[in-house]
Amino acid sequence: MTTVHVAASEPGAQFLAPHQIVPLLIGATVDEVERELVLQTLARCDGNRTRASRVLGLSVRTLRNKIRIYAASGIDVPAYQD
């Protein structure tokens, strides 16, 4: 699946309506969708894991474990930015 990361902090970043998102999800696995959700939430939270975990409804430990798996797979994970 080809994905495009758009962080909210980028100039001109646009948000998609639900009817625009669903077609993008067709053909993706649940793991791929979850990974994108985690990575984009982290980007929108400027890499703040505590805030991202609250938004996602996960414990910080669970989020950290997911991030560790993604990083070990060679996936770029948004870093914390002040």
PDB file of N, CA and C in Angstrom:
ATOM      1  N   MET A   1       0.841  -1.179   0.000  1.00  0.00           N
ATOM      2  CA  MET A   1       0.000   0.000   0.000  1.00  0.00           C
ATOM      3  C   MET A   1       0.885   1.240   0.000  1.00  0.00           C
ATOM      4  N   THR A   2       0.581   2.202  -0.819  1.00  0.00           N
ATOM      5  CA  THR A   2       1.315   3.457  -0.859  1.00  0.00           C
ATOM      6  C   THR A   2       0.640   4.443   0.073  1.00  0.00           C
ATOM      7  N   THR A   3       1.443   5.070   0.936  1.00  0.00           N
ATOM      8  CA  THR A   3       0.872   6.006   1.897  1.00  0.00           C
ATOM      9  C   THR A   3       1.527   7.360   1.759  1.00  0.00           C
ATOM     10  N   VAL A   4       0.802   8.368   2.152  1.00  0.00           N
ATOM     11  CA  VAL A   4       1.304   9.726   2.136  1.00  0.00           C
ATOM     12  C   VAL A   4       1.117  10.294   3.523  1.00  0.00           C
ATOM     13  N   HIS A   5       2.213  10.746   4.135  1.00  0.00           N
ATOM     14  CA  HIS A   5       2.149  11.343   5.459  1.00  0.00           C
ATOM     15  C   HIS A   5       1.977  12.849   5.312  1.00  0.00           C
ATOM     16  N   VAL A   6       0.962  13.384   5.945  1.00  0.00           N
ATOM     17  CA  VAL A   6       0.754  14.832   5.956  1.00  0.00           C
ATOM     18  C   VAL A   6       0.615  15.250   7.412  1.00  0.00           C
ATOM     19  N   ALA A   7       1.629  15.915   7.912  1.00  0.00           N
ATOM     20  CA  ALA A   7       1.592  16.383   9.292  1.00  0.00           C
ATOM     21  C   ALA A   7       0.788  17.667   9.367  1.00  0.00           C
ATOM     22  N   ALA A   8       0.059  17.839  10.458  1.00  0.00           N
ATOM     23  CA  ALA A   8      -0.783  19.025  10.621  1.00  0.00           C
ATOM     24  C   ALA A   8       0.032  20.302  10.660  1.00  0.00           C
ATOM     25  N   SER A   9       1.286  20.204  11.050  1.00  0.00           N
ATOM     26  CA  SER A   9       2.114  21.401  11.156  1.00  0.00           C
ATOM     27  C   SER A   9       2.634  21.888   9.804  1.00  0.00           C
ATOM     28  N   GLU A  10       2.452  21.088   8.741  1.00  0.00           N
ATOM     29  CA  GLU A  10       2.907  21.509   7.419  1.00  0.00           C
ATOM     30  C   GLU A  10       1.992  22.603   6.884  1.00  0.00           C
ATOM     31  N   PRO A  11       2.573  23.627   6.260  1.00  0.00           N
ATOM     32  CA  PRO A  11       1.728  24.662   5.662  1.00  0.00           C
ATOM     33  C   PRO A  11       0.824  24.068   4.596  1.00  0.00           C
ATOM     34  N   GLY A  12      -0.442  24.438   4.633  1.00  0.00           N
ATOM     35  CA  GLY A  12      -1.381  23.962   3.631  1.00  0.00           C
ATOM     36  C   GLY A  12      -1.869  22.542   3.842  1.00  0.00           C
ATOM     37  N   ALA A  13      -1.580  21.952   5.014  1.00  0.00           N
ATOM     38  CA  ALA A  13      -2.049  20.593   5.287  1.00  0.00           C
ATOM     39  C   ALA A  13      -3.574  20.596   5.280  1.00  0.00           C
ATOM     40  N   GLN A  14      -4.163  19.566   4.661  1.00  0.00           N
ATOM     41  CA  GLN A  14      -5.612  19.487   4.567  1.00  0.00           C
ATOM     42  C   GLN A  14      -6.104  18.238   5.268  1.00  0.00           C
ATOM     43  N   PHE A  15      -7.321  18.323   5.796  1.00  0.00           N
ATOM     44  CA  PHE A  15      -7.933  17.190   6.454  1.00  0.00           C
ATOM     45  C   PHE A  15      -8.964  16.582   5.508  1.00  0.00           C
ATOM     46  N   LEU A  16      -9.062  15.265   5.520  1.00  0.00           N
ATOM     47  CA  LEU A  16     -10.000  14.576   4.648  1.00  0.00           C
ATOM     48  C   LEU A  16     -11.277  14.246   5.412  1.00  0.00           C
ATOM     49  N   ALA A  17     -12.393  14.337   4.729  1.00  0.00           N
ATOM     50  CA  ALA A  17     -13.679  13.950   5.297  1.00  0.00           C
ATOM     51  C   ALA A  17     -13.766  12.425   5.309  1.00  0.00           C
ATOM     52  N   PRO A  18     -14.607  11.850   6.189  1.00  0.00           N
ATOM     53  CA  PRO A  18     -14.710  10.384   6.256  1.00  0.00           C
ATOM     54  C   PRO A  18     -15.002   9.724   4.914  1.00  0.00           C
ATOM     55  N   HIS A  19     -15.848  10.328   4.073  1.00  0.00           N
ATOM     56  CA  HIS A  19     -16.153   9.702   2.776  1.00  0.00           C
ATOM     57  C   HIS A  19     -14.949   9.729   1.840  1.00  0.00           C
ATOM     58  N   GLN A  20     -13.942  10.560   2.138  1.00  0.00           N
ATOM     59  CA  GLN A  20     -12.723  10.580   1.337  1.00  0.00           C
ATOM     60  C   GLN A  20     -11.691   9.594   1.877  1.00  0.00           C
ATOM     61  N   ILE A  21     -11.797   9.258   3.140  1.00  0.00           N
ATOM     62  CA  ILE A  21     -10.817   8.379   3.781  1.00  0.00           C
ATOM     63  C   ILE A  21     -11.093   6.910   3.474  1.00  0.00           C
ATOM     64  N   VAL A  22     -12.345   6.505   3.529  1.00  0.00           N
ATOM     65  CA  VAL A  22     -12.690   5.088   3.369  1.00  0.00           C
ATOM     66  C   VAL A  22     -12.126   4.493   2.083  1.00  0.00           C
ATOM     67  N   PRO A  23     -12.238   5.141   0.927  1.00  0.00           N
ATOM     68  CA  PRO A  23     -11.652   4.544  -0.282  1.00  0.00           C
ATOM     69  C   PRO A  23     -10.132   4.347  -0.180  1.00  0.00           C
ATOM     70  N   LEU A  24      -9.466   5.174   0.608  1.00  0.00           N
ATOM     71  CA  LEU A  24      -8.019   5.023   0.780  1.00  0.00           C
ATOM     72  C   LEU A  24      -7.675   3.795   1.619  1.00  0.00           C
ATOM     73  N   LEU A  25      -8.616   3.339   2.432  1.00  0.00           N
ATOM     74  CA  LEU A  25      -8.377   2.211   3.323  1.00  0.00           C
ATOM     75  C   LEU A  25      -8.627   0.861   2.653  1.00  0.00           C
ATOM     76  N   ILE A  26      -9.404   0.860   1.598  1.00  0.00           N
ATOM     77  CA  ILE A  26      -9.742  -0.397   0.925  1.00  0.00           C
ATOM     78  C   ILE A  26      -8.469  -1.013   0.355  1.00  0.00           C
ATOM     79  N   GLY A  27      -8.253  -2.273   0.683  1.00  0.00           N
ATOM     80  CA  GLY A  27      -7.063  -2.980   0.227  1.00  0.00           C
ATOM     81  C   GLY A  27      -5.931  -2.960   1.235  1.00  0.00           C
ATOM     82  N   ALA A  28      -6.093  -2.198   2.308  1.00  0.00           N
ATOM     83  CA  ALA A  28      -5.058  -2.127   3.348  1.00  0.00           C
ATOM     84  C   ALA A  28      -5.383  -3.123   4.454  1.00  0.00           C
ATOM     85  N   THR A  29      -4.355  -3.649   5.073  1.00  0.00           N
ATOM     86  CA  THR A  29      -4.570  -4.541   6.211  1.00  0.00           C
ATOM     87  C   THR A  29      -4.842  -3.704   7.455  1.00  0.00           C
ATOM     88  N   VAL A  30      -5.393  -4.348   8.468  1.00  0.00           N
ATOM     89  CA  VAL A  30      -5.661  -3.653   9.727  1.00  0.00           C
ATOM     90  C   VAL A  30      -4.343  -3.148  10.333  1.00  0.00           C
ATOM     91  N   ASP A  31      -3.286  -3.926  10.218  1.00  0.00           N
ATOM     92  CA  ASP A  31      -1.979  -3.496  10.736  1.00  0.00           C
ATOM     93  C   ASP A  31      -1.486  -2.238  10.031  1.00  0.00           C
ATOM     94  N   GLU A  32      -1.679  -2.178   8.715  1.00  0.00           N
ATOM     95  CA  GLU A  32      -1.257  -0.988   7.959  1.00  0.00           C
ATOM     96  C   GLU A  32      -2.064   0.247   8.361  1.00  0.00           C
ATOM     97  N   VAL A  33      -3.360   0.056   8.522  1.00  0.00           N
ATOM     98  CA  VAL A  33      -4.225   1.173   8.916  1.00  0.00           C
ATOM     99  C   VAL A  33      -3.851   1.645  10.327  1.00  0.00           C
ATOM    100  N   GLU A  34      -3.638   0.700  11.237  1.00  0.00           N
ATOM    101  CA  GLU A  34      -3.245   1.054  12.602  1.00  0.00           C
ATOM    102  C   GLU A  34      -1.918   1.810  12.611  1.00  0.00           C
ATOM    103  N   ARG A  35      -0.957   1.322  11.852  1.00  0.00           N
ATOM    104  CA  ARG A  35       0.354   1.974  11.799  1.00  0.00           C
ATOM    105  C   ARG A  35       0.222   3.410  11.299  1.00  0.00           C
ATOM    106  N   GLU A  36      -0.543   3.604  10.238  1.00  0.00           N
ATOM    107  CA  GLU A  36      -0.746   4.955   9.716  1.00  0.00           C
ATOM    108  C   GLU A  36      -1.417   5.855  10.740  1.00  0.00           C
ATOM    109  N   LEU A  37      -2.416   5.320  11.435  1.00  0.00           N
ATOM    110  CA  LEU A  37      -3.120   6.098  12.456  1.00  0.00           C
ATOM    111  C   LEU A  37      -2.164   6.500  13.569  1.00  0.00           C
ATOM    112  N   VAL A  38      -1.345   5.570  14.024  1.00  0.00           N
ATOM    113  CA  VAL A  38      -0.375   5.862  15.085  1.00  0.00           C
ATOM    114  C   VAL A  38       0.643   6.903  14.604  1.00  0.00           C
ATOM    115  N   LEU A  39       1.201   6.707  13.427  1.00  0.00           N
ATOM    116  CA  LEU A  39       2.234   7.620  12.929  1.00  0.00           C
ATOM    117  C   LEU A  39       1.686   9.020  12.664  1.00  0.00           C
ATOM    118  N   GLN A  40       0.503   9.106  12.093  1.00  0.00           N
ATOM    119  CA  GLN A  40      -0.063  10.426  11.821  1.00  0.00           C
ATOM    120  C   GLN A  40      -0.507  11.122  13.100  1.00  0.00           C
ATOM    121  N   THR A  41      -0.983  10.358  14.077  1.00  0.00           N
ATOM    122  CA  THR A  41      -1.333  10.965  15.363  1.00  0.00           C
ATOM    123  C   THR A  41      -0.081  11.488  16.044  1.00  0.00           C
ATOM    124  N   LEU A  42       0.998  10.716  16.007  1.00  0.00           N
ATOM    125  CA  LEU A  42       2.266  11.185  16.575  1.00  0.00           C
ATOM    126  C   LEU A  42       2.730  12.466  15.889  1.00  0.00           C
ATOM    127  N   ALA A  43       2.609  12.513  14.572  1.00  0.00           N
ATOM    128  CA  ALA A  43       3.021  13.707  13.833  1.00  0.00           C
ATOM    129  C   ALA A  43       2.178  14.916  14.237  1.00  0.00           C
ATOM    130  N   ARG A  44       0.882  14.722  14.368  1.00  0.00           N
ATOM    131  CA  ARG A  44      -0.007  15.824  14.752  1.00  0.00           C
ATOM    132  C   ARG A  44       0.217  16.266  16.194  1.00  0.00           C
ATOM    133  N   CYS A  45       0.727  15.365  17.002  1.00  0.00           N
ATOM    134  CA  CYS A  45       1.038  15.692  18.407  1.00  0.00           C
ATOM    135  C   CYS A  45       2.500  16.089  18.559  1.00  0.00           C
ATOM    136  N   ASP A  46       3.158  16.409  17.460  1.00  0.00           N
ATOM    137  CA  ASP A  46       4.564  16.823  17.458  1.00  0.00           C
ATOM    138  C   ASP A  46       5.470  15.816  18.151  1.00  0.00           C
ATOM    139  N   GLY A  47       5.164  14.534  17.995  1.00  0.00           N
ATOM    140  CA  GLY A  47       5.986  13.473  18.562  1.00  0.00           C
ATOM    141  C   GLY A  47       5.782  13.257  20.054  1.00  0.00           C
ATOM    142  N   ASN A  48       4.845  13.973  20.663  1.00  0.00           N
ATOM    143  CA  ASN A  48       4.588  13.835  22.097  1.00  0.00           C
ATOM    144  C   ASN A  48       3.814  12.534  22.333  1.00  0.00           C
ATOM    145  N   ARG A  49       4.492  11.544  22.900  1.00  0.00           N
ATOM    146  CA  ARG A  49       3.911  10.215  23.066  1.00  0.00           C
ATOM    147  C   ARG A  49       2.764  10.194  24.072  1.00  0.00           C
ATOM    148  N   THR A  50       2.879  10.989  25.123  1.00  0.00           N
ATOM    149  CA  THR A  50       1.812  11.018  26.128  1.00  0.00           C
ATOM    150  C   THR A  50       0.528  11.555  25.520  1.00  0.00           C
ATOM    151  N   ARG A  51       0.641  12.660  24.793  1.00  0.00           N
ATOM    152  CA  ARG A  51      -0.540  13.250  24.168  1.00  0.00           C
ATOM    153  C   ARG A  51      -1.098  12.316  23.093  1.00  0.00           C
ATOM    154  N   ALA A  52      -0.230  11.729  22.287  1.00  0.00           N
ATOM    155  CA  ALA A  52      -0.677  10.813  21.227  1.00  0.00           C
ATOM    156  C   ALA A  52      -1.372   9.592  21.831  1.00  0.00           C
ATOM    157  N   SER A  53      -0.851   9.070  22.926  1.00  0.00           N
ATOM    158  CA  SER A  53      -1.475   7.901  23.551  1.00  0.00           C
ATOM    159  C   SER A  53      -2.869   8.237  24.065  1.00  0.00           C
ATOM    160  N   ARG A  54      -3.056   9.446  24.583  1.00  0.00           N
ATOM    161  CA  ARG A  54      -4.395   9.863  25.035  1.00  0.00           C
ATOM    162  C   ARG A  54      -5.360   9.957  23.859  1.00  0.00           C
ATOM    163  N   VAL A  55      -4.903  10.562  22.760  1.00  0.00           N
ATOM    164  CA  VAL A  55      -5.747  10.699  21.569  1.00  0.00           C
ATOM    165  C   VAL A  55      -6.143   9.327  21.033  1.00  0.00           C
ATOM    166  N   LEU A  56      -5.202   8.397  21.027  1.00  0.00           N
ATOM    167  CA  LEU A  56      -5.442   7.064  20.474  1.00  0.00           C
ATOM    168  C   LEU A  56      -6.168   6.131  21.442  1.00  0.00           C
ATOM    169  N   GLY A  57      -6.221   6.505  22.717  1.00  0.00           N
ATOM    170  CA  GLY A  57      -6.848   5.634  23.709  1.00  0.00           C
ATOM    171  C   GLY A  57      -5.978   4.448  24.076  1.00  0.00           C
ATOM    172  N   LEU A  58      -4.669   4.633  24.011  1.00  0.00           N
ATOM    173  CA  LEU A  58      -3.699   3.590  24.353  1.00  0.00           C
ATOM    174  C   LEU A  58      -2.911   4.006  25.587  1.00  0.00           C
ATOM    175  N   SER A  59      -2.333   3.041  26.255  1.00  0.00           N
ATOM    176  CA  SER A  59      -1.394   3.390  27.322  1.00  0.00           C
ATOM    177  C   SER A  59      -0.092   3.855  26.672  1.00  0.00           C
ATOM    178  N   VAL A  60       0.670   4.636  27.389  1.00  0.00           N
ATOM    179  CA  VAL A  60       1.960   5.101  26.869  1.00  0.00           C
ATOM    180  C   VAL A  60       2.852   3.897  26.591  1.00  0.00           C
ATOM    181  N   ARG A  61       2.786   2.897  27.433  1.00  0.00           N
ATOM    182  CA  ARG A  61       3.605   1.691  27.247  1.00  0.00           C
ATOM    183  C   ARG A  61       3.248   0.975  25.947  1.00  0.00           C
ATOM    184  N   THR A  62       1.955   0.827  25.663  1.00  0.00           N
ATOM    185  CA  THR A  62       1.529   0.178  24.421  1.00  0.00           C
ATOM    186  C   THR A  62       1.998   0.969  23.212  1.00  0.00           C
ATOM    187  N   LEU A  63       1.848   2.296  23.276  1.00  0.00           N
ATOM    188  CA  LEU A  63       2.311   3.140  22.171  1.00  0.00           C
ATOM    189  C   LEU A  63       3.814   3.004  21.992  1.00  0.00           C
ATOM    190  N   ARG A  64       4.558   3.024  23.096  1.00  0.00           N
ATOM    191  CA  ARG A  64       6.011   2.878  23.022  1.00  0.00           C
ATOM    192  C   ARG A  64       6.397   1.543  22.381  1.00  0.00           C
ATOM    193  N   ASN A  65       5.686   0.474  22.733  1.00  0.00           N
ATOM    194  CA  ASN A  65       5.977  -0.837  22.145  1.00  0.00           C
ATOM    195  C   ASN A  65       5.702  -0.847  20.636  1.00  0.00           C
ATOM    196  N   LYS A  66       4.624  -0.205  20.212  1.00  0.00           N
ATOM    197  CA  LYS A  66       4.324  -0.113  18.782  1.00  0.00           C
ATOM    198  C   LYS A  66       5.409   0.681  18.058  1.00  0.00           C
ATOM    199  N   ILE A  67       5.832   1.787  18.662  1.00  0.00           N
ATOM    200  CA  ILE A  67       6.883   2.619  18.072  1.00  0.00           C
ATOM    201  C   ILE A  67       8.176   1.815  17.936  1.00  0.00           C
ATOM    202  N   ARG A  68       8.491   1.035  18.943  1.00  0.00           N
ATOM    203  CA  ARG A  68       9.704   0.216  18.914  1.00  0.00           C
ATOM    204  C   ARG A  68       9.656  -0.783  17.756  1.00  0.00           C
ATOM    205  N   ILE A  69       8.497  -1.393  17.543  1.00  0.00           N
ATOM    206  CA  ILE A  69       8.333  -2.351  16.439  1.00  0.00           C
ATOM    207  C   ILE A  69       8.482  -1.641  15.097  1.00  0.00           C
ATOM    208  N   TYR A  70       7.849  -0.474  14.969  1.00  0.00           N
ATOM    209  CA  TYR A  70       7.939   0.278  13.713  1.00  0.00           C
ATOM    210  C   TYR A  70       9.388   0.671  13.422  1.00  0.00           C
ATOM    211  N   ALA A  71      10.081   1.185  14.426  1.00  0.00           N
ATOM    212  CA  ALA A  71      11.472   1.618  14.245  1.00  0.00           C
ATOM    213  C   ALA A  71      12.365   0.431  13.861  1.00  0.00           C
ATOM    214  N   ALA A  72      12.131  -0.722  14.482  1.00  0.00           N
ATOM    215  CA  ALA A  72      12.927  -1.911  14.176  1.00  0.00           C
ATOM    216  C   ALA A  72      12.683  -2.384  12.735  1.00  0.00           C
ATOM    217  N   SER A  73      11.506  -2.046  12.191  1.00  0.00           N
ATOM    218  CA  SER A  73      11.167  -2.406  10.813  1.00  0.00           C
ATOM    219  C   SER A  73      11.681  -1.380   9.808  1.00  0.00           C
ATOM    220  N   GLY A  74      12.345  -0.341  10.310  1.00  0.00           N
ATOM    221  CA  GLY A  74      12.895   0.673   9.427  1.00  0.00           C
ATOM    222  C   GLY A  74      11.931   1.786   9.073  1.00  0.00           C
ATOM    223  N   ILE A  75      10.831   1.891   9.797  1.00  0.00           N
ATOM    224  CA  ILE A  75       9.832   2.934   9.537  1.00  0.00           C
ATOM    225  C   ILE A  75      10.217   4.181  10.316  1.00  0.00           C
ATOM    226  N   ASP A  76      10.164   5.335   9.639  1.00  0.00           N
ATOM    227  CA  ASP A  76      10.461   6.600  10.307  1.00  0.00           C
ATOM    228  C   ASP A  76       9.329   6.962  11.256  1.00  0.00           C
ATOM    229  N   VAL A  77       9.689   7.202  12.511  1.00  0.00           N
ATOM    230  CA  VAL A  77       8.721   7.577  13.535  1.00  0.00           C
ATOM    231  C   VAL A  77       8.940   9.038  13.892  1.00  0.00           C
ATOM    232  N   PRO A  78       7.876   9.852  13.880  1.00  0.00           N
ATOM    233  CA  PRO A  78       8.039  11.268  14.216  1.00  0.00           C
ATOM    234  C   PRO A  78       8.669  11.456  15.597  1.00  0.00           C
ATOM    235  N   ALA A  79       9.684  12.275  15.654  1.00  0.00           N
ATOM    236  CA  ALA A  79      10.380  12.550  16.906  1.00  0.00           C
ATOM    237  C   ALA A  79       9.719  13.712  17.631  1.00  0.00           C
ATOM    238  N   TYR A  80       9.919  13.776  18.937  1.00  0.00           N
ATOM    239  CA  TYR A  80       9.356  14.855  19.738  1.00  0.00           C
ATOM    240  C   TYR A  80       9.968  16.183  19.321  1.00  0.00           C
ATOM    241  N   GLN A  81       9.109  17.196  19.167  1.00  0.00           N
ATOM    242  CA  GLN A  81       9.563  18.531  18.786  1.00  0.00           C
ATOM    243  C   GLN A  81       9.001  19.523  19.789  1.00  0.00           C
ATOM    244  N   ASP A  82       9.851  20.407  20.286  1.00  0.00           N
ATOM    245  CA  ASP A  82       9.387  21.433  21.228  1.00  0.00           C
ATOM    246  C   ASP A  82       8.592  22.495  20.535  1.00  0.00           C
TER     247      ASP A  82
END
